[in-house]
């Protein structure tokens, strides 16, 4: 490796009844989902931003503005795949993805492997290069009060 870069991503969306809860491209059984212009997959959004940031390629809003009707209800895996293509075109290899979802409920531990598999498949990387963790906000703030959910991600790129 001659050059190593790190990118940080973060996303937050309000909880919304009647919408699917999609995290890392996986639909989670729940009575609510996340409100947003696209499918509101905060995990994919955070990883997308981390990838774009590490390669100095802007952010998700520059590539997929929520003011554009073309992205209404869009599958966030498209955003993630686009960011991975751009990163590779810039000469980088995706070395590692580490992400955390912060959500009070539902419990997500049984969905870890499918999420990691989905992310790895979308990015075209080995499964052992993807880590997804889950936390609650201990009933503090909007996430802890069950009004929103957040995701954070850090990626490492190598050239």
C-alpha atoms as a PDB file:
ATOM      1  CA  UNK A   1       0.000   0.000   0.000  1.00  0.00           C
ATOM      2  CA  UNK A   2       1.460   3.301  -1.017  1.00  0.00           C
ATOM      3  CA  UNK A   3      -1.457   5.459   0.137  1.00  0.00           C
ATOM      4  CA  UNK A   4      -4.069   4.820   2.816  1.00  0.00           C
ATOM      5  CA  UNK A   5      -7.119   6.994   3.362  1.00  0.00           C
ATOM      6  CA  UNK A   6      -9.898   6.929   5.907  1.00  0.00           C
ATOM      7  CA  UNK A   7     -13.420   8.274   5.512  1.00  0.00           C
ATOM      8  CA  UNK A   8     -16.144   8.921   8.070  1.00  0.00           C
ATOM      9  CA  UNK A   9     -19.878   8.792   7.359  1.00  0.00           C
ATOM     10  CA  UNK A  10     -22.948   9.534   9.469  1.00  0.00           C
ATOM     11  CA  UNK A  11     -26.676   9.578   8.793  1.00  0.00           C
ATOM     12  CA  UNK A  12     -29.870  10.050  10.776  1.00  0.00           C
ATOM     13  CA  UNK A  13     -33.545   9.683   9.856  1.00  0.00           C
ATOM     14  CA  UNK A  14     -36.807   9.947  11.772  1.00  0.00           C
ATOM     15  CA  UNK A  15     -38.788   6.808  12.499  1.00  0.00           C
ATOM     16  CA  UNK A  16     -42.004   6.563  10.483  1.00  0.00           C
ATOM     17  CA  UNK A  17     -44.895   4.111  10.834  1.00  0.00           C
ATOM     18  CA  UNK A  18     -45.909   2.217   7.717  1.00  0.00           C
ATOM     19  CA  UNK A  19     -42.487   2.344   6.034  1.00  0.00           C
ATOM     20  CA  UNK A  20     -40.116  -0.599   5.670  1.00  0.00           C
ATOM     21  CA  UNK A  21     -37.062  -0.638   7.941  1.00  0.00           C
ATOM     22  CA  UNK A  22     -34.120  -1.228   5.606  1.00  0.00           C
ATOM     23  CA  UNK A  23     -30.576  -1.363   6.972  1.00  0.00           C
ATOM     24  CA  UNK A  24     -27.592  -2.345   4.881  1.00  0.00           C
ATOM     25  CA  UNK A  25     -29.921  -3.493   2.124  1.00  0.00           C
ATOM     26  CA  UNK A  26     -31.789  -5.878   4.440  1.00  0.00           C
ATOM     27  CA  UNK A  27     -35.478  -5.428   5.303  1.00  0.00           C
ATOM     28  CA  UNK A  28     -35.936  -5.838   9.059  1.00  0.00           C
ATOM     29  CA  UNK A  29     -39.349  -6.916  10.431  1.00  0.00           C
ATOM     30  CA  UNK A  30     -40.694  -3.864  12.285  1.00  0.00           C
ATOM     31  CA  UNK A  31     -43.877  -1.824  12.700  1.00  0.00           C
ATOM     32  CA  UNK A  32     -41.965   1.264  11.566  1.00  0.00           C
ATOM     33  CA  UNK A  33     -39.270   2.244   9.129  1.00  0.00           C
ATOM     34  CA  UNK A  34     -37.265   5.361   8.416  1.00  0.00           C
ATOM     35  CA  UNK A  35     -38.559   8.537   6.803  1.00  0.00           C
ATOM     36  CA  UNK A  36     -36.642   9.779   3.792  1.00  0.00           C
ATOM     37  CA  UNK A  37     -36.582  10.637   0.104  1.00  0.00           C
ATOM     38  CA  UNK A  38     -34.996   7.301  -0.864  1.00  0.00           C
ATOM     39  CA  UNK A  39     -35.508   4.054   1.057  1.00  0.00           C
ATOM     40  CA  UNK A  40     -33.821   5.868   4.006  1.00  0.00           C
ATOM     41  CA  UNK A  41     -31.265   3.101   4.604  1.00  0.00           C
ATOM     42  CA  UNK A  42     -29.098   4.990   7.105  1.00  0.00           C
ATOM     43  CA  UNK A  43     -26.451   2.263   7.186  1.00  0.00           C
ATOM     44  CA  UNK A  44     -25.911   2.316   3.410  1.00  0.00           C
ATOM     45  CA  UNK A  45     -26.000   6.140   3.445  1.00  0.00           C
ATOM     46  CA  UNK A  46     -23.318   6.379   6.139  1.00  0.00           C
ATOM     47  CA  UNK A  47     -21.047   3.919   4.326  1.00  0.00           C
ATOM     48  CA  UNK A  48     -21.624   5.741   1.014  1.00  0.00           C
ATOM     49  CA  UNK A  49     -20.572   9.037   2.598  1.00  0.00           C
ATOM     50  CA  UNK A  50     -17.524   7.430   4.209  1.00  0.00           C
ATOM     51  CA  UNK A  51     -16.395   6.013   0.856  1.00  0.00           C
ATOM     52  CA  UNK A  52     -16.916   9.278  -0.985  1.00  0.00           C
ATOM     53  CA  UNK A  53     -15.184  11.262   1.762  1.00  0.00           C
ATOM     54  CA  UNK A  54     -12.142   8.996   1.917  1.00  0.00           C
ATOM     55  CA  UNK A  55     -11.549   9.481  -1.810  1.00  0.00           C
ATOM     56  CA  UNK A  56     -12.366  13.235  -1.691  1.00  0.00           C
ATOM     57  CA  UNK A  57     -15.359  12.699  -3.994  1.00  0.00           C
ATOM     58  CA  UNK A  58     -17.927  14.800  -2.140  1.00  0.00           C
ATOM     59  CA  UNK A  59     -20.919  13.411  -0.307  1.00  0.00           C
ATOM     60  CA  UNK A  60     -24.112  11.494  -0.977  1.00  0.00           C
ATOM     61  CA  UNK A  61     -26.144  14.693  -1.447  1.00  0.00           C
ATOM     62  CA  UNK A  62     -23.888  15.854  -4.271  1.00  0.00           C
ATOM     63  CA  UNK A  63     -24.365  12.602  -6.173  1.00  0.00           C
ATOM     64  CA  UNK A  64     -27.984  11.853  -5.226  1.00  0.00           C
ATOM     65  CA  UNK A  65     -29.733  15.086  -4.172  1.00  0.00           C
ATOM     66  CA  UNK A  66     -33.025  14.642  -2.336  1.00  0.00           C
ATOM     67  CA  UNK A  67     -34.400  17.452  -4.480  1.00  0.00           C
ATOM     68  CA  UNK A  68     -34.194  15.159  -7.542  1.00  0.00           C
ATOM     69  CA  UNK A  69     -37.395  13.124  -8.070  1.00  0.00           C
ATOM     70  CA  UNK A  70     -35.301  10.430  -9.788  1.00  0.00           C
ATOM     71  CA  UNK A  71     -34.141   9.253  -6.341  1.00  0.00           C
ATOM     72  CA  UNK A  72     -37.623   9.148  -4.728  1.00  0.00           C
ATOM     73  CA  UNK A  73     -37.898   5.737  -3.070  1.00  0.00           C
ATOM     74  CA  UNK A  74     -34.547   4.639  -4.543  1.00  0.00           C
ATOM     75  CA  UNK A  75     -32.767   1.539  -3.280  1.00  0.00           C
ATOM     76  CA  UNK A  76     -29.744   2.827  -1.355  1.00  0.00           C
ATOM     77  CA  UNK A  77     -27.680  -0.112  -2.601  1.00  0.00           C
ATOM     78  CA  UNK A  78     -27.486   1.902  -5.847  1.00  0.00           C
ATOM     79  CA  UNK A  79     -25.817   4.745  -3.928  1.00  0.00           C
ATOM     80  CA  UNK A  80     -23.386   2.347  -2.276  1.00  0.00           C
ATOM     81  CA  UNK A  81     -22.489   0.624  -5.566  1.00  0.00           C
ATOM     82  CA  UNK A  82     -22.006   4.018  -7.258  1.00  0.00           C
ATOM     83  CA  UNK A  83     -19.625   5.177  -4.515  1.00  0.00           C
ATOM     84  CA  UNK A  84     -17.660   1.918  -4.768  1.00  0.00           C
ATOM     85  CA  UNK A  85     -17.313   2.364  -8.555  1.00  0.00           C
ATOM     86  CA  UNK A  86     -16.084   5.948  -8.137  1.00  0.00           C
ATOM     87  CA  UNK A  87     -13.578   4.903  -5.475  1.00  0.00           C
ATOM     88  CA  UNK A  88     -12.200   2.174  -7.758  1.00  0.00           C
ATOM     89  CA  UNK A  89     -12.060   4.556 -10.726  1.00  0.00           C
ATOM     90  CA  UNK A  90      -9.948   6.851  -8.544  1.00  0.00           C
ATOM     91  CA  UNK A  91      -7.513   3.953  -8.068  1.00  0.00           C
ATOM     92  CA  UNK A  92      -8.465   2.836  -4.557  1.00  0.00           C
ATOM     93  CA  UNK A  93      -9.242  -0.563  -3.065  1.00  0.00           C
ATOM     94  CA  UNK A  94     -11.840  -0.783  -0.305  1.00  0.00           C
ATOM     95  CA  UNK A  95      -9.804  -2.240   2.525  1.00  0.00           C
ATOM     96  CA  UNK A  96     -12.258  -2.160   5.423  1.00  0.00           C
ATOM     97  CA  UNK A  97     -15.743  -0.999   6.433  1.00  0.00           C
ATOM     98  CA  UNK A  98     -16.713  -0.622  10.087  1.00  0.00           C
ATOM     99  CA  UNK A  99     -20.198   0.682  10.888  1.00  0.00           C
ATOM    100  CA  UNK A 100     -22.539   1.128  13.830  1.00  0.00           C
ATOM    101  CA  UNK A 101     -26.334   1.445  13.835  1.00  0.00           C
ATOM    102  CA  UNK A 102     -27.839   3.259  16.821  1.00  0.00           C
ATOM    103  CA  UNK A 103     -31.492   2.306  17.345  1.00  0.00           C
ATOM    104  CA  UNK A 104     -33.547   1.488  20.438  1.00  0.00           C
ATOM    105  CA  UNK A 105     -35.659  -1.215  18.814  1.00  0.00           C
ATOM    106  CA  UNK A 106     -36.029  -3.669  17.228  1.00  0.00           C
ATOM    107  CA  UNK A 107     -33.012  -5.679  18.298  1.00  0.00           C
ATOM    108  CA  UNK A 108     -30.788  -6.191  15.289  1.00  0.00           C
ATOM    109  CA  UNK A 109     -28.257  -8.857  16.324  1.00  0.00           C
ATOM    110  CA  UNK A 110     -29.954 -11.615  14.310  1.00  0.00           C
ATOM    111  CA  UNK A 111     -29.616  -9.481  11.160  1.00  0.00           C
ATOM    112  CA  UNK A 112     -25.863  -8.786  11.426  1.00  0.00           C
ATOM    113  CA  UNK A 113     -24.699 -11.513   9.033  1.00  0.00           C
ATOM    114  CA  UNK A 114     -27.269 -10.742   6.303  1.00  0.00           C
ATOM    115  CA  UNK A 115     -26.388  -7.023   6.543  1.00  0.00           C
ATOM    116  CA  UNK A 116     -22.650  -7.699   6.295  1.00  0.00           C
ATOM    117  CA  UNK A 117     -23.236 -10.083   3.371  1.00  0.00           C
ATOM    118  CA  UNK A 118     -25.394  -7.534   1.555  1.00  0.00           C
ATOM    119  CA  UNK A 119     -22.877  -4.723   2.048  1.00  0.00           C
ATOM    120  CA  UNK A 120     -19.918  -6.908   1.017  1.00  0.00           C
ATOM    121  CA  UNK A 121     -21.781  -8.099  -2.097  1.00  0.00           C
ATOM    122  CA  UNK A 122     -22.773  -4.546  -3.082  1.00  0.00           C
ATOM    123  CA  UNK A 123     -19.229  -3.248  -2.573  1.00  0.00           C
ATOM    124  CA  UNK A 124     -17.627  -6.271  -4.244  1.00  0.00           C
ATOM    125  CA  UNK A 125     -15.382  -7.029  -1.264  1.00  0.00           C
ATOM    126  CA  UNK A 126     -14.777 -10.011   0.997  1.00  0.00           C
ATOM    127  CA  UNK A 127     -17.182 -10.536   3.882  1.00  0.00           C
ATOM    128  CA  UNK A 128     -14.372 -10.354   6.459  1.00  0.00           C
ATOM    129  CA  UNK A 129     -13.750  -6.712   5.449  1.00  0.00           C
ATOM    130  CA  UNK A 130     -17.182  -5.606   6.689  1.00  0.00           C
ATOM    131  CA  UNK A 131     -18.176  -5.096  10.324  1.00  0.00           C
ATOM    132  CA  UNK A 132     -21.586  -3.888  11.508  1.00  0.00           C
ATOM    133  CA  UNK A 133     -22.313  -3.237  15.170  1.00  0.00           C
ATOM    134  CA  UNK A 134     -25.485  -2.235  17.011  1.00  0.00           C
ATOM    135  CA  UNK A 135     -26.005   0.104  19.931  1.00  0.00           C
ATOM    136  CA  UNK A 136     -28.881   1.766  21.723  1.00  0.00           C
ATOM    137  CA  UNK A 137     -28.792   5.364  22.879  1.00  0.00           C
ATOM    138  CA  UNK A 138     -29.718   4.352  26.442  1.00  0.00           C
ATOM    139  CA  UNK A 139     -33.013   6.299  26.179  1.00  0.00           C
ATOM    140  CA  UNK A 140     -31.100   9.584  25.673  1.00  0.00           C
ATOM    141  CA  UNK A 141     -31.926  12.096  22.929  1.00  0.00           C
ATOM    142  CA  UNK A 142     -34.116  11.547  19.868  1.00  0.00           C
ATOM    143  CA  UNK A 143     -32.702   8.085  19.161  1.00  0.00           C
ATOM    144  CA  UNK A 144     -33.094   7.002  22.782  1.00  0.00           C
ATOM    145  CA  UNK A 145     -36.628   8.366  22.844  1.00  0.00           C
ATOM    146  CA  UNK A 146     -37.490   6.210  19.829  1.00  0.00           C
ATOM    147  CA  UNK A 147     -37.973   9.123  17.418  1.00  0.00           C
ATOM    148  CA  UNK A 148     -35.005   8.497  15.104  1.00  0.00           C
ATOM    149  CA  UNK A 149     -32.144   6.182  14.210  1.00  0.00           C
ATOM    150  CA  UNK A 150     -28.507   6.882  13.339  1.00  0.00           C
ATOM    151  CA  UNK A 151     -25.654   5.107  11.614  1.00  0.00           C
ATOM    152  CA  UNK A 152     -21.944   5.842  11.655  1.00  0.00           C
ATOM    153  CA  UNK A 153     -19.329   4.346   9.361  1.00  0.00           C
ATOM    154  CA  UNK A 154     -15.611   4.491   8.832  1.00  0.00           C
ATOM    155  CA  UNK A 155     -13.854   3.048   5.810  1.00  0.00           C
ATOM    156  CA  UNK A 156     -10.243   2.502   4.918  1.00  0.00           C
ATOM    157  CA  UNK A 157      -9.099   2.763   1.309  1.00  0.00           C
ATOM    158  CA  UNK A 158      -5.717   1.765  -0.088  1.00  0.00           C
ATOM    159  CA  UNK A 159      -3.995   2.754  -3.310  1.00  0.00           C
END
